[in-house]
């Protein structure tokens, strides 16, 4: 190294020498960042991750956030179990089931919680059916996907009305586009749909007869593989700082991020002027009551063997 410096001093002007030293010996700004591969689905709840990646809030915390998009939760979970992801966007149900299977994951924060000013899920009745009250759906078919957040929200909606979970006849239709198509063609009486498909169904004549705005439920979360924190104990804190900064940017002016939401999520263009960008909750793990209510449902439905202590589910 000393011989190289002497040779450069003899043959190069001093200002050129300084430039070379800067180029080769000063660390690049991206060096030293922690790479985090986060699995996401193309849904509106992931907007803060998209904004944070684009606006540099994660980079500011020394995190190189790579968002890996999947078309289904099944594909995402398989990638996590294969060690290809460091974290993911999902819900409490799938996180509890992953923990039960031995995956070392914990929830970092709520991604979306039911909000009185913005619906995220709702029961829609088929166009032309003249169904406009929940009582008219007693015994009728409703399209859902079983053992998912969809069925959990439906049962929670029914419980809030003091109705049993078998008040309607649940029909398993996993693929959302097919569920919507069957509803709009009146092949099924009702369907439980997420936004913005709920707004799309409504724009095509479906009647939304009940939604989640009056519930108090954590809908989606962000979780991390805790093996990543073994030698970086502050990594979750830094991640949450970055995520909180992205949420703050959105909540200052939600509609200014609509184009990013449309471009980066599975968004139906016909409702781009009807659907409003939601306000996102402050960062923080789901309340213990949310975790326990979800576990109660999973145990009752034979999906969870035994309840998992709150401290083993959330990162605090």
Protein backbone atom coordinates (compact mmCIF):
# COMPACT_ATOMS: atom_id res chain seq x y z
CA UNK A 1 0.00 0.00 0.00
CA UNK A 2 2.84 2.44 0.87
CA UNK A 3 4.57 1.75 -2.46
CA UNK A 4 1.30 2.41 -4.28
CA UNK A 5 0.86 5.75 -2.52
CA UNK A 6 4.46 6.83 -3.31
CA UNK A 7 4.05 5.92 -6.99
CA UNK A 8 0.80 7.86 -7.19
CA UNK A 9 2.40 10.88 -5.50
CA UNK A 10 5.18 10.86 -8.14
CA UNK A 11 3.01 10.44 -11.23
CA UNK A 12 -0.35 12.12 -10.43
CA UNK A 13 -1.30 15.71 -9.56
CA UNK A 14 -2.25 16.07 -5.91
CA UNK A 15 -5.96 16.83 -6.59
CA UNK A 16 -6.26 13.68 -8.73
CA UNK A 17 -4.63 11.65 -5.97
CA UNK A 18 -7.20 12.87 -3.43
CA UNK A 19 -10.01 11.88 -5.79
CA UNK A 20 -8.63 8.36 -6.14
CA UNK A 21 -8.36 7.99 -2.37
CA UNK A 22 -11.97 9.09 -1.99
CA UNK A 23 -13.16 6.63 -4.61
CA UNK A 24 -11.29 3.60 -3.33
CA UNK A 25 -10.85 4.07 0.39
CA UNK A 26 -13.95 5.95 1.61
CA UNK A 27 -16.91 3.59 2.27
CA UNK A 28 -19.87 3.85 -0.09
CA UNK A 29 -23.06 5.15 1.60
CA UNK A 30 -24.82 1.80 1.03
CA UNK A 31 -22.04 -0.21 2.65
CA UNK A 32 -22.83 -1.54 6.10
CA UNK A 33 -26.62 -1.44 5.76
CA UNK A 34 -28.59 -4.41 7.03
CA UNK A 35 -30.43 -6.14 4.19
CA UNK A 36 -33.99 -7.08 5.16
CA UNK A 37 -36.02 -9.17 2.73
CA UNK A 38 -39.69 -8.60 3.53
CA UNK A 39 -42.46 -10.65 1.98
CA UNK A 40 -45.53 -8.64 0.99
CA UNK A 41 -48.85 -9.14 -0.75
CA UNK A 42 -50.17 -6.66 -3.37
CA UNK A 43 -52.71 -5.07 -0.99
CA UNK A 44 -53.28 -1.50 0.20
CA UNK A 45 -52.19 -2.25 3.81
CA UNK A 46 -48.59 -2.48 2.59
CA UNK A 47 -48.47 1.18 1.51
CA UNK A 48 -46.25 2.35 4.43
CA UNK A 49 -43.61 -0.21 3.43
CA UNK A 50 -43.72 1.03 -0.16
CA UNK A 51 -43.51 4.67 0.93
CA UNK A 52 -40.70 3.98 3.40
CA UNK A 53 -38.67 2.19 0.78
CA UNK A 54 -39.24 4.96 -1.76
CA UNK A 55 -38.73 7.90 0.63
CA UNK A 56 -35.61 6.44 2.26
CA UNK A 57 -36.91 6.17 5.83
CA UNK A 58 -35.49 2.65 6.08
CA UNK A 59 -32.20 3.68 4.51
CA UNK A 60 -31.98 6.46 7.11
CA UNK A 61 -32.07 3.76 9.79
CA UNK A 62 -29.31 1.74 8.13
CA UNK A 63 -31.71 -0.78 6.59
CA UNK A 64 -31.67 -1.88 2.96
CA UNK A 65 -35.32 -2.97 2.63
CA UNK A 66 -36.05 -5.41 -0.18
CA UNK A 67 -39.78 -6.01 -0.71
CA UNK A 68 -40.50 -9.44 -2.19
CA UNK A 69 -44.02 -9.62 -3.62
CA UNK A 70 -46.15 -12.77 -3.52
CA UNK A 71 -49.58 -13.46 -4.99
CA UNK A 72 -50.71 -15.57 -2.02
CA UNK A 73 -50.00 -15.99 1.68
CA UNK A 74 -49.22 -19.65 1.01
CA UNK A 75 -46.34 -18.74 -1.31
CA UNK A 76 -45.07 -16.12 1.14
CA UNK A 77 -45.08 -18.53 4.09
CA UNK A 78 -43.27 -21.19 2.04
CA UNK A 79 -40.52 -18.67 1.22
CA UNK A 80 -40.22 -17.72 4.90
CA UNK A 81 -39.95 -21.36 5.97
CA UNK A 82 -37.28 -21.90 3.30
CA UNK A 83 -35.20 -19.11 4.86
CA UNK A 84 -35.63 -16.73 1.91
CA UNK A 85 -37.32 -13.97 3.94
CA UNK A 86 -36.41 -12.02 7.08
CA UNK A 87 -39.94 -10.81 7.74
CA UNK A 88 -43.36 -10.39 6.21
CA UNK A 89 -46.66 -8.57 6.01
CA UNK A 90 -49.50 -10.82 7.15
CA UNK A 91 -52.03 -11.26 9.94
CA UNK A 92 -52.16 -12.59 13.49
CA UNK A 93 -53.69 -15.90 12.39
CA UNK A 94 -50.89 -16.95 10.09
CA UNK A 95 -48.26 -15.67 12.55
CA UNK A 96 -49.65 -17.82 15.36
CA UNK A 97 -49.72 -20.85 13.07
CA UNK A 98 -46.12 -20.20 12.01
CA UNK A 99 -45.03 -19.95 15.65
CA UNK A 100 -46.86 -23.21 16.39
CA UNK A 101 -44.93 -24.86 13.53
CA UNK A 102 -41.61 -23.77 15.08
CA UNK A 103 -40.82 -20.64 13.07
CA UNK A 104 -38.92 -18.07 15.23
CA UNK A 105 -41.11 -15.12 14.27
CA UNK A 106 -42.63 -12.33 16.33
CA UNK A 107 -44.98 -9.46 15.49
CA UNK A 108 -43.32 -6.05 15.34
CA UNK A 109 -46.35 -3.84 14.80
CA UNK A 110 -49.93 -3.62 13.70
CA UNK A 111 -50.14 -2.76 9.99
CA UNK A 112 -53.87 -2.00 9.92
CA UNK A 113 -56.54 -1.90 12.62
CA UNK A 114 -60.26 -1.46 12.05
CA UNK A 115 -61.07 2.24 11.86
CA UNK A 116 -64.47 3.98 12.22
CA UNK A 117 -63.67 6.22 9.27
CA UNK A 118 -62.47 3.59 6.81
CA UNK A 119 -63.85 0.12 6.11
CA UNK A 120 -61.45 -2.64 5.11
CA UNK A 121 -63.75 -5.71 5.00
CA UNK A 122 -67.46 -6.07 4.43
CA UNK A 123 -70.33 -8.39 3.54
CA UNK A 124 -71.75 -7.64 0.10
CA UNK A 125 -75.05 -9.04 -1.22
CA UNK A 126 -75.48 -9.89 -4.91
CA UNK A 127 -76.80 -7.17 -7.23
CA UNK A 128 -80.56 -7.37 -7.77
CA UNK A 129 -81.05 -9.69 -4.79
CA UNK A 130 -82.91 -7.01 -2.78
CA UNK A 131 -80.97 -8.14 0.28
CA UNK A 132 -80.16 -5.11 2.40
CA UNK A 133 -80.26 -6.49 5.96
CA UNK A 134 -78.16 -9.15 7.64
CA UNK A 135 -81.32 -11.01 8.71
CA UNK A 136 -82.12 -11.70 5.07
CA UNK A 137 -78.95 -13.76 4.77
CA UNK A 138 -79.93 -16.36 7.36
CA UNK A 139 -79.17 -19.79 5.88
CA UNK A 140 -78.00 -18.33 2.55
CA UNK A 141 -74.63 -18.96 0.91
CA UNK A 142 -71.73 -16.60 1.59
CA UNK A 143 -68.40 -16.89 -0.23
CA UNK A 144 -65.29 -16.87 1.95
CA UNK A 145 -61.89 -18.52 2.26
CA UNK A 146 -61.78 -20.78 5.30
CA UNK A 147 -59.20 -20.66 8.09
CA UNK A 148 -58.09 -17.18 7.03
CA UNK A 149 -58.55 -13.57 8.14
CA UNK A 150 -61.64 -13.55 5.88
CA UNK A 151 -63.47 -16.21 7.92
CA UNK A 152 -62.21 -14.68 11.16
CA UNK A 153 -63.63 -11.27 10.26
CA UNK A 154 -66.95 -12.83 9.21
CA UNK A 155 -67.28 -14.68 12.52
CA UNK A 156 -66.31 -11.52 14.43
CA UNK A 157 -68.93 -9.50 12.54
CA UNK A 158 -71.58 -12.12 13.32
CA UNK A 159 -70.56 -12.26 16.98
CA UNK A 160 -70.86 -8.46 17.23
CA UNK A 161 -74.50 -8.91 16.17
CA UNK A 162 -75.05 -11.79 18.61
CA UNK A 163 -75.37 -14.23 15.72
CA UNK A 164 -73.78 -17.70 15.54
CA UNK A 165 -70.95 -18.46 13.12
CA UNK A 166 -73.24 -20.82 11.17
CA UNK A 167 -75.90 -18.14 10.63
CA UNK A 168 -75.02 -18.28 6.92
CA UNK A 169 -73.81 -21.22 4.87
CA UNK A 170 -70.10 -20.69 4.28
CA UNK A 171 -68.90 -21.57 0.78
CA UNK A 172 -65.16 -22.01 0.21
CA UNK A 173 -64.08 -19.85 -2.74
CA UNK A 174 -60.42 -19.04 -2.11
CA UNK A 175 -59.58 -16.99 -5.19
CA UNK A 176 -60.77 -13.44 -4.70
CA UNK A 177 -61.49 -12.63 -8.38
CA UNK A 178 -63.67 -15.74 -8.69
CA UNK A 179 -65.47 -14.84 -5.45
CA UNK A 180 -66.20 -11.37 -6.81
CA UNK A 181 -67.31 -12.72 -10.20
CA UNK A 182 -69.70 -15.22 -8.61
CA UNK A 183 -71.19 -12.48 -6.45
CA UNK A 184 -71.72 -10.07 -9.35
CA UNK A 185 -73.27 -12.83 -11.49
CA UNK A 186 -75.60 -13.80 -8.61
CA UNK A 187 -74.18 -17.33 -8.44
CA UNK A 188 -73.93 -16.78 -4.71
CA UNK A 189 -76.05 -14.68 -2.36
CA UNK A 190 -73.22 -12.84 -0.59
CA UNK A 191 -69.47 -12.63 -0.19
CA UNK A 192 -67.06 -11.23 2.35
CA UNK A 193 -64.59 -9.03 0.47
CA UNK A 194 -61.66 -6.77 1.35
CA UNK A 195 -61.16 -3.28 0.03
CA UNK A 196 -60.86 -2.08 -2.69
CA UNK A 197 -62.79 -5.06 -4.13
CA UNK A 198 -65.66 -4.21 -1.79
CA UNK A 199 -65.93 -0.75 -3.36
CA UNK A 200 -65.67 -2.33 -6.82
CA UNK A 201 -68.55 -4.72 -6.04
CA UNK A 202 -70.60 -1.83 -4.69
CA UNK A 203 -69.95 0.22 -7.83
CA UNK A 204 -71.37 -2.67 -9.88
CA UNK A 205 -74.60 -2.89 -7.92
CA UNK A 206 -73.79 -5.08 -4.93
CA UNK A 207 -75.24 -3.97 -1.60
CA UNK A 208 -72.78 -3.68 1.31
CA UNK A 209 -74.89 -4.69 4.29
CA UNK A 210 -72.27 -4.87 7.04
CA UNK A 211 -68.64 -3.79 7.34
CA UNK A 212 -65.88 -3.78 9.94
CA UNK A 213 -65.85 -0.09 10.89
CA UNK A 214 -67.48 -0.64 14.28
CA UNK A 215 -65.28 -3.57 15.23
CA UNK A 216 -62.16 -3.18 17.35
CA UNK A 217 -59.88 -5.71 15.65
CA UNK A 218 -56.28 -5.85 14.48
CA UNK A 219 -56.46 -6.91 10.84
CA UNK A 220 -52.89 -7.09 9.58
CA UNK A 221 -49.38 -7.04 11.07
CA UNK A 222 -45.68 -6.95 10.27
CA UNK A 223 -43.50 -9.73 11.69
CA UNK A 224 -39.79 -10.53 11.72
CA UNK A 225 -37.65 -13.65 11.99
CA UNK A 226 -36.01 -13.18 15.40
CA UNK A 227 -32.84 -15.00 14.37
CA UNK A 228 -31.94 -11.76 12.55
CA UNK A 229 -31.74 -9.95 15.90
CA UNK A 230 -29.24 -12.30 17.55
CA UNK A 231 -26.28 -10.00 16.81
CA UNK A 232 -28.34 -6.88 16.07
CA UNK A 233 -30.67 -6.38 19.05
CA UNK A 234 -31.65 -2.85 17.92
CA UNK A 235 -32.77 -3.97 14.46
CA UNK A 236 -36.50 -4.17 15.38
CA UNK A 237 -36.33 -0.71 16.95
CA UNK A 238 -34.66 0.76 13.87
CA UNK A 239 -37.22 -0.94 11.63
CA UNK A 240 -40.10 0.50 13.66
CA UNK A 241 -38.56 3.98 13.59
CA UNK A 242 -38.39 3.79 9.79
CA UNK A 243 -41.93 2.40 9.51
CA UNK A 244 -43.30 5.09 11.86
CA UNK A 245 -41.71 7.81 9.71
CA UNK A 246 -43.39 6.35 6.60
CA UNK A 247 -46.78 6.18 8.36
CA UNK A 248 -46.41 9.82 9.42
CA UNK A 249 -45.72 10.85 5.82
CA UNK A 250 -48.87 9.09 4.57
CA UNK A 251 -51.11 10.39 7.34
CA UNK A 252 -50.09 13.99 6.61
CA UNK A 253 -51.66 13.74 3.14
CA UNK A 254 -53.00 10.26 2.31
CA UNK A 255 -54.34 11.08 -1.15
CA UNK A 256 -50.91 12.22 -2.35
CA UNK A 257 -49.82 8.57 -2.20
CA UNK A 258 -52.72 7.20 -4.23
CA UNK A 259 -50.73 6.84 -7.45
CA UNK A 260 -48.07 4.78 -5.66
CA UNK A 261 -50.80 2.61 -4.15
CA UNK A 262 -52.40 2.07 -7.55
CA UNK A 263 -49.07 1.29 -9.23
CA UNK A 264 -47.71 -1.08 -6.58
CA UNK A 265 -50.79 -2.99 -5.36
CA UNK A 266 -53.50 -5.10 -6.95
CA UNK A 267 -55.82 -2.13 -7.42
CA UNK A 268 -58.92 -2.11 -9.68
CA UNK A 269 -58.71 0.99 -11.86
CA UNK A 270 -62.51 1.49 -12.14
CA UNK A 271 -62.63 2.61 -8.48
CA UNK A 272 -59.51 4.78 -8.35
CA UNK A 273 -61.64 7.90 -7.89
CA UNK A 274 -64.04 6.26 -5.43
CA UNK A 275 -61.57 4.71 -3.02
CA UNK A 276 -59.75 6.89 -0.46
CA UNK A 277 -56.28 6.12 0.84
CA UNK A 278 -56.65 5.08 4.50
CA UNK A 279 -55.04 6.63 7.54
CA UNK A 280 -52.67 4.11 9.12
CA UNK A 281 -52.33 3.40 12.86
CA UNK A 282 -49.34 4.42 14.91
CA UNK A 283 -46.68 1.76 15.29
CA UNK A 284 -47.01 -0.70 18.13
CA UNK A 285 -47.80 -4.39 18.61
CA UNK A 286 -51.41 -5.61 18.70
CA UNK A 287 -53.06 -5.46 22.11
CA UNK A 288 -53.05 -8.65 24.17
CA UNK A 289 -56.84 -8.89 23.75
CA UNK A 290 -56.41 -9.05 19.96
CA UNK A 291 -53.87 -11.86 20.24
CA UNK A 292 -56.01 -13.81 22.72
CA UNK A 293 -59.26 -13.34 20.74
CA UNK A 294 -57.53 -14.69 17.63
CA UNK A 295 -56.14 -17.64 19.58
CA UNK A 296 -59.60 -18.41 21.00
CA UNK A 297 -60.97 -18.58 17.45
CA UNK A 298 -58.11 -20.74 16.19
CA UNK A 299 -58.47 -23.18 19.09
CA UNK A 300 -62.25 -23.38 18.65
CA UNK A 301 -61.75 -24.18 14.97
CA UNK A 302 -59.13 -26.84 15.64
CA UNK A 303 -56.30 -24.88 14.00
CA UNK A 304 -54.21 -24.16 17.11
CA UNK A 305 -53.36 -26.88 19.62
CA UNK A 306 -52.86 -24.60 22.62
CA UNK A 307 -52.58 -20.90 23.35
CA UNK A 308 -49.21 -19.20 23.03
CA UNK A 309 -48.17 -16.63 25.68
CA UNK A 310 -48.42 -13.01 24.52
CA UNK A 311 -44.70 -12.43 25.08
CA UNK A 312 -43.86 -15.21 22.62
CA UNK A 313 -46.00 -13.62 19.92
CA UNK A 314 -45.01 -9.95 19.97
CA UNK A 315 -41.62 -8.24 19.99
CA UNK A 316 -41.37 -5.80 22.91
